[in-house]
Each structure stands twice: as structure tokens, then as C-alpha cells.
Amino acid sequence: MKTLTALQLQKKQSQHESVLLVDVREPHEFNYAHIAGSILIPLADIQERWQELERNQEIVVVCHHGVRSLQAALFLVQMGFTNIANLHGGIDAWSVQCDASVPRY
């Protein structure tokens, strides 16, 4: 498992790399602020829904500051996923460093 900064993720997106963003926050958090194109699988549901994800796809796991996403990323690695990254600093870092239109909380 690797760690990506918000700026590294932004670069991947600008280069049109195929990256799946999995947001593991709660629905009310996701509805308030999220990175465009991300899908919501709350951390509490990841053990039941991990099979919805493609094992070979590059996946970046996102939360508020990077703690819940780290837990989810480690779980996915245990399930055999090999191309997993945790977004360091989470959506908050994304808002500060990449897209100020994403609300902070």
C-alpha cells in the first residue's frame, strides 16, 4: 500500500489516469464535500462491500484526514488488493491544496 498526497492525486487526474476514488466517510460527510467522481462506501460497510471493487484497478481511499481511509486501505490489502493508496490528509488536504470549492469542516 502506498500513500498519495492531494497534489499527486490531482496530477494523476489531470493526466487522465484511471483511478477509482473510494470515500469511506459517512453519507452526511460525503454529501457535504467530496472529490468529483468518487464513490461512497462508508468504513462501517467496507467489509460487506469490498467485492464491489475491481482488484486490479488503482484505488485511492479517501476520508476526512486520512485515518479511516488508512484502516480501509489496510483491509483491502488484506483482501488481496495490490494497487491501493491512502490519500494523505484526506478531503481536507484536497480542499486546501487542490480545490478550494470543496468545503472544509
C-alpha atoms as a PDB file:
ATOM      1  CA  MET A   1       0.000   0.000   0.000  1.00  0.00           C
ATOM      2  CA  LYS A   2       1.205   3.472  -0.786  1.00  0.00           C
ATOM      3  CA  THR A   3       0.317   6.984   0.289  1.00  0.00           C
ATOM      4  CA  LEU A   4      -0.584   9.762  -2.124  1.00  0.00           C
ATOM      5  CA  THR A   5      -0.644  13.460  -1.406  1.00  0.00           C
ATOM      6  CA  ALA A   6      -3.501  15.586  -2.672  1.00  0.00           C
ATOM      7  CA  LEU A   7      -1.198  17.123  -5.276  1.00  0.00           C
ATOM      8  CA  GLN A   8      -0.098  13.687  -6.509  1.00  0.00           C
ATOM      9  CA  LEU A   9      -3.743  12.661  -6.878  1.00  0.00           C
ATOM     10  CA  GLN A  10      -4.536  15.868  -8.719  1.00  0.00           C
ATOM     11  CA  LYS A  11      -1.679  15.167 -11.135  1.00  0.00           C
ATOM     12  CA  LYS A  12      -2.999  11.644 -11.793  1.00  0.00           C
ATOM     13  CA  GLN A  13      -6.426  13.080 -12.536  1.00  0.00           C
ATOM     14  CA  SER A  14      -5.043  15.792 -14.805  1.00  0.00           C
ATOM     15  CA  GLN A  15      -3.187  13.088 -16.750  1.00  0.00           C
ATOM     16  CA  HIS A  16      -6.477  11.141 -17.051  1.00  0.00           C
ATOM     17  CA  GLU A  17      -5.125   8.114 -15.224  1.00  0.00           C
ATOM     18  CA  SER A  18      -7.798   5.568 -14.372  1.00  0.00           C
ATOM     19  CA  VAL A  19      -8.054   5.897 -10.593  1.00  0.00           C
ATOM     20  CA  LEU A  20     -11.068   4.874  -8.547  1.00  0.00           C
ATOM     21  CA  LEU A  21     -11.651   7.127  -5.540  1.00  0.00           C
ATOM     22  CA  VAL A  22     -13.364   5.286  -2.680  1.00  0.00           C
ATOM     23  CA  ASP A  23     -14.623   7.643   0.008  1.00  0.00           C
ATOM     24  CA  VAL A  24     -15.096   5.860   3.346  1.00  0.00           C
ATOM     25  CA  ARG A  25     -16.698   8.704   5.295  1.00  0.00           C
ATOM     26  CA  GLU A  26     -20.332   8.783   6.388  1.00  0.00           C
ATOM     27  CA  PRO A  27     -23.073   9.760   3.905  1.00  0.00           C
ATOM     28  CA  HIS A  28     -23.671  13.162   5.525  1.00  0.00           C
ATOM     29  CA  GLU A  29     -19.951  13.972   5.209  1.00  0.00           C
ATOM     30  CA  PHE A  30     -19.871  12.831   1.587  1.00  0.00           C
ATOM     31  CA  ASN A  31     -22.963  14.884   0.767  1.00  0.00           C
ATOM     32  CA  TYR A  32     -21.349  17.978   2.282  1.00  0.00           C
ATOM     33  CA  ALA A  33     -17.996  17.635   0.498  1.00  0.00           C
ATOM     34  CA  HIS A  34     -16.427  15.091  -1.817  1.00  0.00           C
ATOM     35  CA  ILE A  35     -13.995  14.812  -4.693  1.00  0.00           C
ATOM     36  CA  ALA A  36     -15.812  14.649  -8.013  1.00  0.00           C
ATOM     37  CA  GLY A  37     -16.060  11.121  -9.369  1.00  0.00           C
ATOM     38  CA  SER A  38     -15.565   9.377  -6.033  1.00  0.00           C
ATOM     39  CA  ILE A  39     -17.840   6.618  -4.806  1.00  0.00           C
ATOM     40  CA  LEU A  40     -19.084   6.255  -1.248  1.00  0.00           C
ATOM     41  CA  ILE A  41     -18.501   3.084   0.739  1.00  0.00           C
ATOM     42  CA  PRO A  42     -18.557   4.036   4.440  1.00  0.00           C
ATOM     43  CA  LEU A  43     -15.871   2.420   6.571  1.00  0.00           C
ATOM     44  CA  ALA A  44     -18.557   0.530   8.508  1.00  0.00           C
ATOM     45  CA  ASP A  45     -19.672  -1.100   5.225  1.00  0.00           C
ATOM     46  CA  ILE A  46     -16.292  -1.882   3.642  1.00  0.00           C
ATOM     47  CA  GLN A  47     -16.164  -5.459   4.966  1.00  0.00           C
ATOM     48  CA  GLU A  48     -19.543  -6.185   3.341  1.00  0.00           C
ATOM     49  CA  ARG A  49     -18.992  -4.276   0.093  1.00  0.00           C
ATOM     50  CA  TRP A  50     -15.320  -4.772  -0.822  1.00  0.00           C
ATOM     51  CA  GLN A  51     -16.271  -7.278  -3.520  1.00  0.00           C
ATOM     52  CA  GLU A  52     -17.874  -4.427  -5.500  1.00  0.00           C
ATOM     53  CA  LEU A  53     -14.334  -3.214  -6.249  1.00  0.00           C
ATOM     54  CA  GLU A  54     -12.035  -4.446  -9.029  1.00  0.00           C
ATOM     55  CA  ARG A  55      -8.887  -5.992  -7.586  1.00  0.00           C
ATOM     56  CA  ASN A  56      -6.691  -4.801 -10.463  1.00  0.00           C
ATOM     57  CA  GLN A  57      -7.897  -1.193 -10.562  1.00  0.00           C
ATOM     58  CA  GLU A  58      -5.840   1.539  -8.946  1.00  0.00           C
ATOM     59  CA  ILE A  59      -7.841   2.627  -5.908  1.00  0.00           C
ATOM     60  CA  VAL A  60      -7.282   5.696  -3.760  1.00  0.00           C
ATOM     61  CA  VAL A  61      -9.108   5.592  -0.439  1.00  0.00           C
ATOM     62  CA  VAL A  62     -10.310   8.932   0.959  1.00  0.00           C
ATOM     63  CA  CYS A  63     -11.704  10.155   4.284  1.00  0.00           C
ATOM     64  CA  HIS A  64     -11.625  13.426   6.218  1.00  0.00           C
ATOM     65  CA  HIS A  65      -7.965  13.474   7.318  1.00  0.00           C
ATOM     66  CA  GLY A  66      -6.595  10.051   6.319  1.00  0.00           C
ATOM     67  CA  VAL A  67      -7.191   7.877   9.393  1.00  0.00           C
ATOM     68  CA  ARG A  68     -10.347   5.977   8.386  1.00  0.00           C
ATOM     69  CA  SER A  69      -9.078   5.654   4.836  1.00  0.00           C
ATOM     70  CA  LEU A  70      -5.875   4.082   6.155  1.00  0.00           C
ATOM     71  CA  GLN A  71      -7.950   1.475   8.011  1.00  0.00           C
ATOM     72  CA  ALA A  72      -9.970   0.735   4.863  1.00  0.00           C
ATOM     73  CA  ALA A  73      -6.843   0.590   2.686  1.00  0.00           C
ATOM     74  CA  LEU A  74      -5.158  -1.881   5.047  1.00  0.00           C
ATOM     75  CA  PHE A  75      -8.300  -4.039   4.992  1.00  0.00           C
ATOM     76  CA  LEU A  76      -8.358  -4.035   1.179  1.00  0.00           C
ATOM     77  CA  VAL A  77      -4.705  -5.086   1.116  1.00  0.00           C
ATOM     78  CA  GLN A  78      -5.620  -7.990   3.421  1.00  0.00           C
ATOM     79  CA  MET A  79      -8.328  -8.945   0.907  1.00  0.00           C
ATOM     80  CA  GLY A  80      -5.711  -9.224  -1.829  1.00  0.00           C
ATOM     81  CA  PHE A  81      -5.830  -5.796  -3.468  1.00  0.00           C
ATOM     82  CA  THR A  82      -2.390  -4.735  -4.652  1.00  0.00           C
ATOM     83  CA  ASN A  83      -2.870  -1.262  -6.133  1.00  0.00           C
ATOM     84  CA  ILE A  84      -4.188   0.654  -3.119  1.00  0.00           C
ATOM     85  CA  ALA A  85      -3.244   4.143  -1.942  1.00  0.00           C
ATOM     86  CA  ASN A  86      -4.341   6.199   1.034  1.00  0.00           C
ATOM     87  CA  LEU A  87      -4.930   9.923   0.442  1.00  0.00           C
ATOM     88  CA  HIS A  88      -2.664  11.636   2.975  1.00  0.00           C
ATOM     89  CA  GLY A  89      -4.569  14.419   4.721  1.00  0.00           C
ATOM     90  CA  GLY A  90      -7.859  13.311   3.182  1.00  0.00           C
ATOM     91  CA  ILE A  91     -10.511  15.570   1.719  1.00  0.00           C
ATOM     92  CA  ASP A  92      -9.280  18.383   3.940  1.00  0.00           C
ATOM     93  CA  ALA A  93      -5.890  18.377   2.205  1.00  0.00           C
ATOM     94  CA  TRP A  94      -7.663  18.187  -1.164  1.00  0.00           C
ATOM     95  CA  SER A  95      -9.677  21.292  -0.312  1.00  0.00           C
ATOM     96  CA  VAL A  96      -6.646  23.253   0.918  1.00  0.00           C
ATOM     97  CA  GLN A  97      -4.157  22.216  -1.762  1.00  0.00           C
ATOM     98  CA  CYS A  98      -6.193  21.414  -4.879  1.00  0.00           C
ATOM     99  CA  ASP A  99      -9.797  22.590  -4.935  1.00  0.00           C
ATOM    100  CA  ALA A 100     -10.949  25.359  -2.607  1.00  0.00           C
ATOM    101  CA  SER A 101     -14.521  24.907  -3.864  1.00  0.00           C
ATOM    102  CA  VAL A 102     -14.697  21.703  -1.791  1.00  0.00           C
ATOM    103  CA  PRO A 103     -15.977  22.835   1.628  1.00  0.00           C
ATOM    104  CA  ARG A 104     -13.854  22.230   4.711  1.00  0.00           C
ATOM    105  CA  TYR A 105     -15.306  21.043   8.006  1.00  0.00           C
END
